[in-house]
Amino acid sequence: MSKIIRTEPNKVLAKAVEYHGFVYLQGCTAQDLAKDIQGQTAEVLAQIDAILETHGTDKTRLLQAQIWLKDIRDRETMNTLWSAWLPEGGAPARACVQANMADPRHLVEIMVTACK
C-alpha cells in the first residue's frame, strides 16, 4: 500500500498531503491581514513555495490552482504577481473566483496541486 504523507496535520486539515508523487496543498492565506491584495498575494505565494519545497518539489511542477478573491476586481493585481511568480510556460490549469472568505480580512486564498 502506498504511503500517505501529511504535513502538519490537525483535527481539520493538513498543510499538504502527498500521495503517489502528487502534492495537494491546503488553501493558503496570508498571516498579516493588514496587508493589501499585493502584500497578501506575495505572502501566499511565498507560503506555497515553502510547502512545495518541504515535499521536494516546486512551482515548476504545478498542475492545478484554485484561487479565491474577496473582490474579483483584485484579479488583475493578483494576476500581475501570479504571472511574475510562475515559471515561463509553466502555468497550471486554474480557476479564479470571487468568494466570501472565512475571515473578511482575507483578500486571497490559493490552493495548488503539484507533482514531484
N, C-alpha and C. Protein backbone atom coordinates (compact mmCIF):
# COMPACT_ATOMS: atom_id res chain seq x y z
N MET A 1 0.84 -1.18 0.00
CA MET A 1 0.00 0.00 0.00
C MET A 1 0.89 1.25 0.00
N SER A 2 0.55 2.24 -0.80
CA SER A 2 1.34 3.46 -0.89
C SER A 2 1.18 4.31 0.37
N LYS A 3 2.28 4.95 0.73
CA LYS A 3 2.30 5.78 1.92
C LYS A 3 1.68 7.14 1.63
N ILE A 4 0.89 7.65 2.58
CA ILE A 4 0.33 9.00 2.52
C ILE A 4 1.10 9.83 3.53
N ILE A 5 1.67 10.96 3.07
CA ILE A 5 2.43 11.85 3.95
C ILE A 5 1.61 13.11 4.17
N ARG A 6 1.35 13.42 5.43
CA ARG A 6 0.59 14.62 5.79
C ARG A 6 1.52 15.59 6.51
N THR A 7 1.55 16.83 6.06
CA THR A 7 2.40 17.85 6.66
C THR A 7 1.60 18.66 7.66
N GLU A 8 2.05 18.65 8.90
CA GLU A 8 1.45 19.41 10.00
C GLU A 8 -0.08 19.23 10.07
N PRO A 9 -0.55 18.00 10.16
CA PRO A 9 -2.00 17.80 10.25
C PRO A 9 -2.54 18.21 11.62
N ASN A 10 -3.79 18.67 11.61
CA ASN A 10 -4.51 18.90 12.86
C ASN A 10 -5.88 18.25 12.72
N LYS A 11 -6.80 18.58 13.56
CA LYS A 11 -8.12 17.94 13.51
C LYS A 11 -8.92 18.31 12.27
N VAL A 12 -8.57 19.41 11.62
CA VAL A 12 -9.36 19.92 10.50
C VAL A 12 -8.67 19.71 9.14
N LEU A 13 -7.35 19.93 9.08
CA LEU A 13 -6.66 19.87 7.79
C LEU A 13 -5.17 19.65 8.00
N ALA A 14 -4.48 19.41 6.90
CA ALA A 14 -3.02 19.35 6.87
C ALA A 14 -2.55 20.44 5.90
N LYS A 15 -1.34 20.95 6.12
CA LYS A 15 -0.81 21.94 5.18
C LYS A 15 -0.69 21.36 3.78
N ALA A 16 -0.35 20.08 3.73
CA ALA A 16 -0.24 19.39 2.44
C ALA A 16 -0.39 17.90 2.67
N VAL A 17 -0.81 17.22 1.60
CA VAL A 17 -0.89 15.76 1.61
C VAL A 17 -0.19 15.28 0.35
N GLU A 18 0.75 14.36 0.54
CA GLU A 18 1.49 13.80 -0.58
C GLU A 18 1.10 12.33 -0.75
N TYR A 19 0.82 11.95 -2.01
CA TYR A 19 0.44 10.58 -2.31
C TYR A 19 0.79 10.27 -3.76
N HIS A 20 1.48 9.18 -3.98
CA HIS A 20 1.87 8.73 -5.33
C HIS A 20 2.54 9.82 -6.15
N GLY A 21 3.39 10.64 -5.51
CA GLY A 21 4.11 11.67 -6.24
C GLY A 21 3.33 12.94 -6.50
N PHE A 22 2.12 13.03 -5.99
CA PHE A 22 1.33 14.24 -6.10
C PHE A 22 1.29 14.94 -4.75
N VAL A 23 1.34 16.26 -4.76
CA VAL A 23 1.30 17.04 -3.53
C VAL A 23 0.11 17.99 -3.62
N TYR A 24 -0.81 17.83 -2.68
CA TYR A 24 -2.05 18.61 -2.62
C TYR A 24 -1.91 19.60 -1.46
N LEU A 25 -1.91 20.89 -1.76
CA LEU A 25 -1.76 21.89 -0.71
C LEU A 25 -3.11 22.37 -0.20
N GLN A 26 -3.09 22.79 1.06
CA GLN A 26 -4.25 23.44 1.65
C GLN A 26 -4.48 24.77 0.93
N GLY A 27 -5.61 25.39 1.17
CA GLY A 27 -5.81 26.76 0.72
C GLY A 27 -4.94 27.65 1.59
N CYS A 28 -4.01 28.36 0.98
CA CYS A 28 -3.07 29.21 1.72
C CYS A 28 -3.60 30.64 1.77
N THR A 29 -3.56 31.23 2.95
CA THR A 29 -3.97 32.62 3.15
C THR A 29 -2.85 33.35 3.87
N ALA A 30 -2.88 34.67 3.79
CA ALA A 30 -1.87 35.49 4.44
C ALA A 30 -2.03 35.45 5.95
N GLN A 31 -0.92 35.58 6.65
CA GLN A 31 -0.94 35.69 8.10
C GLN A 31 -1.16 37.15 8.52
N ASP A 32 -0.55 38.08 7.77
CA ASP A 32 -0.68 39.51 8.07
C ASP A 32 -1.88 40.06 7.30
N LEU A 33 -3.00 40.13 7.97
CA LEU A 33 -4.24 40.54 7.32
C LEU A 33 -4.38 42.05 7.17
N ALA A 34 -3.38 42.78 7.64
CA ALA A 34 -3.38 44.23 7.44
C ALA A 34 -2.85 44.59 6.05
N LYS A 35 -2.23 43.61 5.38
CA LYS A 35 -1.68 43.86 4.04
C LYS A 35 -2.78 44.00 3.00
N ASP A 36 -2.46 44.73 1.91
CA ASP A 36 -3.38 44.86 0.79
C ASP A 36 -3.29 43.61 -0.09
N ILE A 37 -3.98 43.61 -1.22
CA ILE A 37 -4.01 42.43 -2.08
C ILE A 37 -2.61 42.06 -2.58
N GLN A 38 -1.77 43.04 -2.86
CA GLN A 38 -0.41 42.74 -3.30
C GLN A 38 0.37 42.06 -2.19
N GLY A 39 0.30 42.60 -1.00
CA GLY A 39 1.03 42.04 0.12
C GLY A 39 0.55 40.65 0.49
N GLN A 40 -0.78 40.47 0.51
CA GLN A 40 -1.31 39.14 0.84
C GLN A 40 -0.97 38.12 -0.24
N THR A 41 -1.06 38.51 -1.49
CA THR A 41 -0.73 37.58 -2.58
C THR A 41 0.73 37.17 -2.50
N ALA A 42 1.63 38.13 -2.29
CA ALA A 42 3.06 37.82 -2.18
C ALA A 42 3.32 36.86 -1.02
N GLU A 43 2.66 37.09 0.10
CA GLU A 43 2.82 36.21 1.26
C GLU A 43 2.32 34.79 0.97
N VAL A 44 1.18 34.69 0.31
CA VAL A 44 0.62 33.38 -0.02
C VAL A 44 1.54 32.63 -0.99
N LEU A 45 2.06 33.31 -1.99
CA LEU A 45 2.95 32.65 -2.95
C LEU A 45 4.24 32.17 -2.26
N ALA A 46 4.74 32.93 -1.32
CA ALA A 46 5.91 32.50 -0.55
C ALA A 46 5.58 31.26 0.29
N GLN A 47 4.39 31.21 0.87
CA GLN A 47 3.97 30.02 1.62
C GLN A 47 3.93 28.79 0.73
N ILE A 48 3.36 28.97 -0.46
CA ILE A 48 3.28 27.86 -1.41
C ILE A 48 4.67 27.35 -1.75
N ASP A 49 5.60 28.27 -2.03
CA ASP A 49 6.98 27.87 -2.32
C ASP A 49 7.55 27.03 -1.17
N ALA A 50 7.35 27.48 0.06
CA ALA A 50 7.91 26.79 1.22
C ALA A 50 7.30 25.39 1.41
N ILE A 51 5.99 25.28 1.25
CA ILE A 51 5.34 23.98 1.43
C ILE A 51 5.77 23.01 0.32
N LEU A 52 5.83 23.50 -0.91
CA LEU A 52 6.28 22.63 -2.01
C LEU A 52 7.71 22.16 -1.77
N GLU A 53 8.57 23.05 -1.30
CA GLU A 53 9.96 22.69 -1.03
C GLU A 53 10.04 21.60 0.04
N THR A 54 9.19 21.68 1.04
CA THR A 54 9.14 20.66 2.09
C THR A 54 8.89 19.28 1.49
N HIS A 55 8.14 19.24 0.39
CA HIS A 55 7.80 17.97 -0.26
C HIS A 55 8.70 17.65 -1.45
N GLY A 56 9.78 18.39 -1.60
CA GLY A 56 10.75 18.07 -2.64
C GLY A 56 10.30 18.43 -4.04
N THR A 57 9.47 19.45 -4.16
CA THR A 57 9.03 19.89 -5.48
C THR A 57 9.00 21.42 -5.49
N ASP A 58 8.53 22.00 -6.57
CA ASP A 58 8.46 23.45 -6.65
C ASP A 58 7.41 23.88 -7.67
N LYS A 59 7.31 25.19 -7.87
CA LYS A 59 6.26 25.73 -8.73
C LYS A 59 6.41 25.36 -10.20
N THR A 60 7.56 24.82 -10.60
CA THR A 60 7.71 24.36 -11.99
C THR A 60 6.92 23.08 -12.22
N ARG A 61 6.41 22.48 -11.16
CA ARG A 61 5.69 21.20 -11.25
C ARG A 61 4.20 21.37 -10.93
N LEU A 62 3.69 22.60 -10.97
CA LEU A 62 2.27 22.83 -10.69
C LEU A 62 1.39 22.21 -11.75
N LEU A 63 0.31 21.61 -11.30
CA LEU A 63 -0.67 21.02 -12.21
C LEU A 63 -1.98 21.81 -12.22
N GLN A 64 -2.39 22.25 -11.04
CA GLN A 64 -3.70 22.89 -10.92
C GLN A 64 -3.64 23.95 -9.82
N ALA A 65 -4.44 25.01 -9.98
CA ALA A 65 -4.57 26.04 -8.95
C ALA A 65 -6.02 26.48 -8.86
N GLN A 66 -6.42 26.74 -7.64
CA GLN A 66 -7.74 27.32 -7.38
C GLN A 66 -7.50 28.58 -6.57
N ILE A 67 -8.06 29.68 -7.03
CA ILE A 67 -7.84 30.97 -6.38
C ILE A 67 -9.18 31.59 -6.03
N TRP A 68 -9.29 32.02 -4.78
CA TRP A 68 -10.49 32.72 -4.32
C TRP A 68 -10.09 34.14 -3.95
N LEU A 69 -10.83 35.09 -4.45
CA LEU A 69 -10.61 36.51 -4.14
C LEU A 69 -11.84 37.05 -3.41
N LYS A 70 -11.59 37.86 -2.41
CA LYS A 70 -12.70 38.50 -1.72
C LYS A 70 -13.44 39.42 -2.70
N ASP A 71 -12.67 40.10 -3.54
CA ASP A 71 -13.23 41.03 -4.52
C ASP A 71 -12.61 40.72 -5.89
N ILE A 72 -13.41 40.28 -6.82
CA ILE A 72 -12.91 39.87 -8.14
C ILE A 72 -12.22 41.04 -8.86
N ARG A 73 -12.51 42.26 -8.44
CA ARG A 73 -11.83 43.42 -9.04
C ARG A 73 -10.34 43.43 -8.71
N ASP A 74 -9.91 42.62 -7.74
CA ASP A 74 -8.49 42.50 -7.41
C ASP A 74 -7.77 41.49 -8.32
N ARG A 75 -8.50 40.89 -9.24
CA ARG A 75 -7.94 39.84 -10.09
C ARG A 75 -6.72 40.32 -10.88
N GLU A 76 -6.81 41.50 -11.47
CA GLU A 76 -5.70 42.00 -12.29
C GLU A 76 -4.45 42.21 -11.44
N THR A 77 -4.60 42.79 -10.27
CA THR A 77 -3.45 42.99 -9.37
C THR A 77 -2.86 41.66 -8.95
N MET A 78 -3.72 40.73 -8.54
CA MET A 78 -3.25 39.40 -8.13
C MET A 78 -2.57 38.71 -9.31
N ASN A 79 -3.15 38.79 -10.51
CA ASN A 79 -2.58 38.15 -11.69
C ASN A 79 -1.19 38.69 -12.03
N THR A 80 -0.94 39.95 -11.76
CA THR A 80 0.38 40.53 -12.03
C THR A 80 1.44 39.81 -11.20
N LEU A 81 1.16 39.62 -9.92
CA LEU A 81 2.10 38.91 -9.04
C LEU A 81 2.16 37.43 -9.40
N TRP A 82 1.00 36.83 -9.66
CA TRP A 82 0.92 35.41 -10.00
C TRP A 82 1.75 35.13 -11.25
N SER A 83 1.56 35.94 -12.30
CA SER A 83 2.27 35.72 -13.57
C SER A 83 3.77 35.89 -13.41
N ALA A 84 4.20 36.86 -12.61
CA ALA A 84 5.62 37.08 -12.37
C ALA A 84 6.23 35.92 -11.57
N TRP A 85 5.42 35.30 -10.70
CA TRP A 85 5.88 34.20 -9.85
C TRP A 85 6.00 32.89 -10.63
N LEU A 86 5.12 32.67 -11.58
CA LEU A 86 5.13 31.42 -12.35
C LEU A 86 6.35 31.33 -13.25
N PRO A 87 6.89 30.12 -13.41
CA PRO A 87 7.97 29.95 -14.39
C PRO A 87 7.40 30.13 -15.81
N GLU A 88 8.21 30.63 -16.71
CA GLU A 88 7.75 30.85 -18.08
C GLU A 88 7.27 29.53 -18.69
N GLY A 89 6.06 29.55 -19.24
CA GLY A 89 5.48 28.37 -19.86
C GLY A 89 4.98 27.34 -18.86
N GLY A 90 4.93 27.70 -17.57
CA GLY A 90 4.57 26.73 -16.54
C GLY A 90 3.25 26.99 -15.84
N ALA A 91 2.34 27.67 -16.50
CA ALA A 91 1.05 27.95 -15.87
C ALA A 91 0.23 26.67 -15.71
N PRO A 92 -0.38 26.48 -14.53
CA PRO A 92 -1.22 25.30 -14.31
C PRO A 92 -2.63 25.53 -14.83
N ALA A 93 -3.44 24.49 -14.87
CA ALA A 93 -4.87 24.66 -15.08
C ALA A 93 -5.35 25.45 -13.87
N ARG A 94 -6.28 26.40 -14.06
CA ARG A 94 -6.60 27.30 -12.96
C ARG A 94 -8.03 27.78 -13.01
N ALA A 95 -8.57 28.02 -11.82
CA ALA A 95 -9.85 28.71 -11.66
C ALA A 95 -9.62 29.88 -10.72
N CYS A 96 -10.32 30.97 -10.94
CA CYS A 96 -10.21 32.15 -10.07
C CYS A 96 -11.61 32.74 -9.94
N VAL A 97 -12.11 32.77 -8.71
CA VAL A 97 -13.47 33.25 -8.48
C VAL A 97 -13.53 34.18 -7.28
N GLN A 98 -14.60 34.93 -7.21
CA GLN A 98 -14.88 35.74 -6.04
C GLN A 98 -15.61 34.87 -5.02
N ALA A 99 -15.27 35.07 -3.73
CA ALA A 99 -15.88 34.24 -2.70
C ALA A 99 -15.97 35.00 -1.38
N ASN A 100 -16.95 34.63 -0.58
CA ASN A 100 -16.99 35.11 0.79
C ASN A 100 -15.91 34.37 1.55
N MET A 101 -15.05 35.09 2.22
CA MET A 101 -13.93 34.48 2.93
C MET A 101 -14.32 34.18 4.37
N ALA A 102 -13.66 33.19 4.97
CA ALA A 102 -13.94 32.81 6.36
C ALA A 102 -13.69 33.99 7.30
N ASP A 103 -12.65 34.76 7.02
CA ASP A 103 -12.35 35.99 7.75
C ASP A 103 -12.41 37.10 6.71
N PRO A 104 -13.23 38.11 6.90
CA PRO A 104 -13.38 39.14 5.87
C PRO A 104 -12.10 39.94 5.59
N ARG A 105 -11.09 39.79 6.43
CA ARG A 105 -9.81 40.48 6.18
C ARG A 105 -8.95 39.72 5.18
N HIS A 106 -9.27 38.44 4.94
CA HIS A 106 -8.55 37.69 3.91
C HIS A 106 -8.98 38.20 2.55
N LEU A 107 -8.03 38.55 1.72
CA LEU A 107 -8.32 39.07 0.39
C LEU A 107 -8.10 38.04 -0.70
N VAL A 108 -7.28 37.01 -0.42
CA VAL A 108 -6.96 35.98 -1.41
C VAL A 108 -6.64 34.68 -0.70
N GLU A 109 -7.04 33.59 -1.33
CA GLU A 109 -6.69 32.24 -0.87
C GLU A 109 -6.33 31.44 -2.11
N ILE A 110 -5.20 30.74 -2.04
CA ILE A 110 -4.74 29.96 -3.19
C ILE A 110 -4.45 28.53 -2.76
N MET A 111 -4.93 27.59 -3.56
CA MET A 111 -4.73 26.16 -3.31
C MET A 111 -4.16 25.56 -4.59
N VAL A 112 -3.06 24.81 -4.46
CA VAL A 112 -2.45 24.22 -5.66
C VAL A 112 -2.22 22.72 -5.47
N THR A 113 -2.09 22.06 -6.61
CA THR A 113 -1.66 20.66 -6.67
C THR A 113 -0.43 20.62 -7.56
N ALA A 114 0.58 19.89 -7.10
CA ALA A 114 1.81 19.74 -7.87
C ALA A 114 2.21 18.27 -7.90
N CYS A 115 3.14 17.96 -8.77
CA CYS A 115 3.72 16.60 -8.77
C CYS A 115 5.20 16.73 -8.46
N LYS A 116 5.79 15.60 -8.15
CA LYS A 116 7.23 15.60 -7.82
C LYS A 116 8.06 15.34 -9.05
